Amino acid sequence: MTYSIAEAADLTGLTPDTLRYYERDGLMLRPVGRSATGHRRYTDADLRWIDLLNCLRGTGMPIRDVRRYAELVRAGEGNETVRLDLLRAHRTHVLAQLAEVQEHLGAIDRKIGIYTSTLDALDLERTPSA
């Protein structure tokens, strides 16, 4: 099945401009197909790749590293170790970010607990006794 750029944008959550940028910047695995009239036609494989790009970008991988990963995949077999190293390094970075966010969330939860306890105590003081 193939998809227009508007359909691909809708399915991936990206804008058509972003899809064009990915193509221009060498992030796609292969050139996006074209219809007889010259309009872009994305395949299911293209959409799966774009989903991976979204994951990598959504977890903060710099465009230069995404581009490098795409170059390695396009190059084919023989560089799997380099690809694995790139993904492992990114995973380590994501885990560090996640730990930091969890620490910050803990601080927010503690503050919420303080305010909740304070407000509950005030409500008890304001409630008329029977």
C-alpha atoms as a PDB file:
ATOM      1  CA  MET A   1       0.000   0.000   0.000  1.00  0.00           C
ATOM      2  CA  THR A   2       1.185   3.540  -0.646  1.00  0.00           C
ATOM      3  CA  TYR A   3       0.288   6.829   0.972  1.00  0.00           C
ATOM      4  CA  SER A   4       0.308  10.443  -0.135  1.00  0.00           C
ATOM      5  CA  ILE A   5       2.403  12.900   1.837  1.00  0.00           C
ATOM      6  CA  ALA A   6      -0.752  14.129   3.602  1.00  0.00           C
ATOM      7  CA  GLU A   7      -1.697  10.570   4.561  1.00  0.00           C
ATOM      8  CA  ALA A   8       1.857   9.810   5.674  1.00  0.00           C
ATOM      9  CA  ALA A   9       1.882  12.993   7.758  1.00  0.00           C
ATOM     10  CA  ASP A  10      -1.392  12.021   9.377  1.00  0.00           C
ATOM     11  CA  LEU A  11      -0.213   8.476  10.106  1.00  0.00           C
ATOM     12  CA  THR A  12       3.156   9.540  11.517  1.00  0.00           C
ATOM     13  CA  GLY A  13       2.094  12.655  13.395  1.00  0.00           C
ATOM     14  CA  LEU A  14       4.561  14.768  11.424  1.00  0.00           C
ATOM     15  CA  THR A  15       3.925  17.647   9.092  1.00  0.00           C
ATOM     16  CA  PRO A  16       4.444  17.344   5.349  1.00  0.00           C
ATOM     17  CA  ASP A  17       7.270  19.874   5.728  1.00  0.00           C
ATOM     18  CA  THR A  18       9.004  17.611   8.250  1.00  0.00           C
ATOM     19  CA  LEU A  19       8.630  14.621   5.927  1.00  0.00           C
ATOM     20  CA  ARG A  20      10.188  16.641   3.102  1.00  0.00           C
ATOM     21  CA  TYR A  21      12.981  17.737   5.445  1.00  0.00           C
ATOM     22  CA  TYR A  22      13.702  14.114   6.416  1.00  0.00           C
ATOM     23  CA  GLU A  23      13.998  13.284   2.735  1.00  0.00           C
ATOM     24  CA  ARG A  24      16.213  16.305   1.878  1.00  0.00           C
ATOM     25  CA  ASP A  25      18.462  15.789   4.895  1.00  0.00           C
ATOM     26  CA  GLY A  26      19.256  12.170   4.054  1.00  0.00           C
ATOM     27  CA  LEU A  27      17.314  10.618   6.899  1.00  0.00           C
ATOM     28  CA  MET A  28      15.232   8.311   4.723  1.00  0.00           C
ATOM     29  CA  LEU A  29      16.598   4.886   3.837  1.00  0.00           C
ATOM     30  CA  ARG A  30      15.817   5.286   0.164  1.00  0.00           C
ATOM     31  CA  PRO A  31      14.296   7.946  -2.034  1.00  0.00           C
ATOM     32  CA  VAL A  32      10.564   8.213  -1.483  1.00  0.00           C
ATOM     33  CA  GLY A  33       8.650   6.824  -4.436  1.00  0.00           C
ATOM     34  CA  ARG A  34       6.734   9.060  -6.785  1.00  0.00           C
ATOM     35  CA  SER A  35       3.417   8.660  -8.561  1.00  0.00           C
ATOM     36  CA  ALA A  36       3.084   9.103 -12.307  1.00  0.00           C
ATOM     37  CA  THR A  37       2.265  12.751 -11.603  1.00  0.00           C
ATOM     38  CA  GLY A  38       5.385  13.205  -9.440  1.00  0.00           C
ATOM     39  CA  HIS A  39       3.675  13.218  -6.039  1.00  0.00           C
ATOM     40  CA  ARG A  40       5.432  11.457  -3.192  1.00  0.00           C
ATOM     41  CA  ARG A  41       4.129   7.976  -2.377  1.00  0.00           C
ATOM     42  CA  TYR A  42       5.185   6.513   0.968  1.00  0.00           C
ATOM     43  CA  THR A  43       5.186   2.751   1.566  1.00  0.00           C
ATOM     44  CA  ASP A  44       4.526   0.841   4.761  1.00  0.00           C
ATOM     45  CA  ALA A  45       8.301   0.302   5.029  1.00  0.00           C
ATOM     46  CA  ASP A  46       8.811   4.085   4.758  1.00  0.00           C
ATOM     47  CA  LEU A  47       6.285   4.638   7.556  1.00  0.00           C
ATOM     48  CA  ARG A  48       7.968   2.046   9.799  1.00  0.00           C
ATOM     49  CA  TRP A  49      11.300   3.813   9.241  1.00  0.00           C
ATOM     50  CA  ILE A  50       9.722   7.199   9.984  1.00  0.00           C
ATOM     51  CA  ASP A  51       8.285   5.740  13.204  1.00  0.00           C
ATOM     52  CA  LEU A  52      11.813   4.733  14.215  1.00  0.00           C
ATOM     53  CA  LEU A  53      13.060   8.224  13.342  1.00  0.00           C
ATOM     54  CA  ASN A  54      10.295   9.634  15.548  1.00  0.00           C
ATOM     55  CA  CYS A  55      11.416   7.390  18.415  1.00  0.00           C
ATOM     56  CA  LEU A  56      15.035   8.398  18.033  1.00  0.00           C
ATOM     57  CA  ARG A  57      14.207  12.096  17.780  1.00  0.00           C
ATOM     58  CA  GLY A  58      11.599  11.845  20.545  1.00  0.00           C
ATOM     59  CA  THR A  59      14.240  10.479  22.884  1.00  0.00           C
ATOM     60  CA  GLY A  60      16.608  13.301  22.032  1.00  0.00           C
ATOM     61  CA  MET A  61      18.978  11.721  19.521  1.00  0.00           C
ATOM     62  CA  PRO A  62      20.681  14.573  17.662  1.00  0.00           C
ATOM     63  CA  ILE A  63      19.930  14.829  13.942  1.00  0.00           C
ATOM     64  CA  ARG A  64      23.614  14.200  13.130  1.00  0.00           C
ATOM     65  CA  ASP A  65      23.417  10.837  14.941  1.00  0.00           C
ATOM     66  CA  VAL A  66      20.105   9.957  13.274  1.00  0.00           C
ATOM     67  CA  ARG A  67      21.661  10.823   9.920  1.00  0.00           C
ATOM     68  CA  ARG A  68      24.701   8.673  10.737  1.00  0.00           C
ATOM     69  CA  TYR A  69      22.461   5.767  11.724  1.00  0.00           C
ATOM     70  CA  ALA A  70      20.491   6.108   8.465  1.00  0.00           C
ATOM     71  CA  GLU A  71      23.764   6.166   6.495  1.00  0.00           C
ATOM     72  CA  LEU A  72      24.894   2.985   8.221  1.00  0.00           C
ATOM     73  CA  VAL A  73      21.614   1.198   7.542  1.00  0.00           C
ATOM     74  CA  ARG A  74      21.681   2.301   3.898  1.00  0.00           C
ATOM     75  CA  ALA A  75      25.240   0.984   3.572  1.00  0.00           C
ATOM     76  CA  GLY A  76      23.959  -2.509   4.300  1.00  0.00           C
ATOM     77  CA  GLU A  77      25.592  -5.421   6.029  1.00  0.00           C
ATOM     78  CA  GLY A  78      28.974  -5.248   7.663  1.00  0.00           C
ATOM     79  CA  ASN A  79      28.497  -2.281   9.992  1.00  0.00           C
ATOM     80  CA  GLU A  80      26.064  -3.773  12.493  1.00  0.00           C
ATOM     81  CA  THR A  81      28.559  -3.339  15.341  1.00  0.00           C
ATOM     82  CA  VAL A  82      28.794   0.382  14.658  1.00  0.00           C
ATOM     83  CA  ARG A  83      24.989   0.646  14.516  1.00  0.00           C
ATOM     84  CA  LEU A  84      24.700  -1.266  17.770  1.00  0.00           C
ATOM     85  CA  ASP A  85      27.283   0.982  19.438  1.00  0.00           C
ATOM     86  CA  LEU A  86      25.398   4.083  18.289  1.00  0.00           C
ATOM     87  CA  LEU A  87      22.083   2.758  19.624  1.00  0.00           C
ATOM     88  CA  ARG A  88      23.627   1.572  22.901  1.00  0.00           C
ATOM     89  CA  ALA A  89      25.219   4.968  23.493  1.00  0.00           C
ATOM     90  CA  HIS A  90      21.888   6.643  22.848  1.00  0.00           C
ATOM     91  CA  ARG A  91      20.125   4.173  25.155  1.00  0.00           C
ATOM     92  CA  THR A  92      22.590   5.024  27.946  1.00  0.00           C
ATOM     93  CA  HIS A  93      21.860   8.719  27.416  1.00  0.00           C
ATOM     94  CA  VAL A  94      18.079   8.103  27.470  1.00  0.00           C
ATOM     95  CA  LEU A  95      18.343   6.050  30.675  1.00  0.00           C
ATOM     96  CA  ALA A  96      20.267   8.885  32.347  1.00  0.00           C
ATOM     97  CA  GLN A  97      17.619  11.382  31.251  1.00  0.00           C
ATOM     98  CA  LEU A  98      14.880   9.070  32.489  1.00  0.00           C
ATOM     99  CA  ALA A  99      16.548   8.736  35.898  1.00  0.00           C
ATOM    100  CA  GLU A 100      16.788  12.512  36.152  1.00  0.00           C
ATOM    101  CA  VAL A 101      13.118  12.968  35.204  1.00  0.00           C
ATOM    102  CA  GLN A 102      12.105  10.324  37.750  1.00  0.00           C
ATOM    103  CA  GLU A 103      14.088  12.161  40.421  1.00  0.00           C
ATOM    104  CA  HIS A 104      12.358  15.426  39.517  1.00  0.00           C
ATOM    105  CA  LEU A 105       8.979  13.691  39.532  1.00  0.00           C
ATOM    106  CA  GLY A 106       9.727  12.418  43.029  1.00  0.00           C
ATOM    107  CA  ALA A 107      10.386  15.995  44.181  1.00  0.00           C
ATOM    108  CA  ILE A 108       7.097  17.134  42.639  1.00  0.00           C
ATOM    109  CA  ASP A 109       5.233  14.243  44.292  1.00  0.00           C
ATOM    110  CA  ARG A 110       6.751  15.132  47.672  1.00  0.00           C
ATOM    111  CA  LYS A 111       5.658  18.763  47.268  1.00  0.00           C
ATOM    112  CA  ILE A 112       2.143  17.637  46.258  1.00  0.00           C
ATOM    113  CA  GLY A 113       2.074  15.466  49.376  1.00  0.00           C
ATOM    114  CA  ILE A 114       2.978  18.452  51.562  1.00  0.00           C
ATOM    115  CA  TYR A 115       0.242  20.637  50.044  1.00  0.00           C
ATOM    116  CA  THR A 116      -2.317  17.826  50.193  1.00  0.00           C
ATOM    117  CA  SER A 117      -1.563  17.191  53.879  1.00  0.00           C
ATOM    118  CA  THR A 118      -1.738  20.896  54.669  1.00  0.00           C
ATOM    119  CA  LEU A 119      -5.059  21.367  52.860  1.00  0.00           C
ATOM    120  CA  ASP A 120      -6.534  18.210  54.401  1.00  0.00           C
ATOM    121  CA  ALA A 121      -5.580  19.507  57.865  1.00  0.00           C
ATOM    122  CA  LEU A 122      -7.204  22.881  57.094  1.00  0.00           C
ATOM    123  CA  ASP A 123     -10.384  21.147  55.908  1.00  0.00           C
ATOM    124  CA  LEU A 124     -10.533  19.167  59.141  1.00  0.00           C
ATOM    125  CA  GLU A 125     -10.182  22.385  61.158  1.00  0.00           C
ATOM    126  CA  ARG A 126     -12.984  24.028  59.182  1.00  0.00           C
ATOM    127  CA  THR A 127     -15.380  21.091  59.368  1.00  0.00           C
ATOM    128  CA  PRO A 128     -17.959  21.711  62.107  1.00  0.00           C
ATOM    129  CA  SER A 129     -18.054  19.014  64.749  1.00  0.00           C
ATOM    130  CA  ALA A 130     -21.295  17.114  65.223  1.00  0.00           C
END
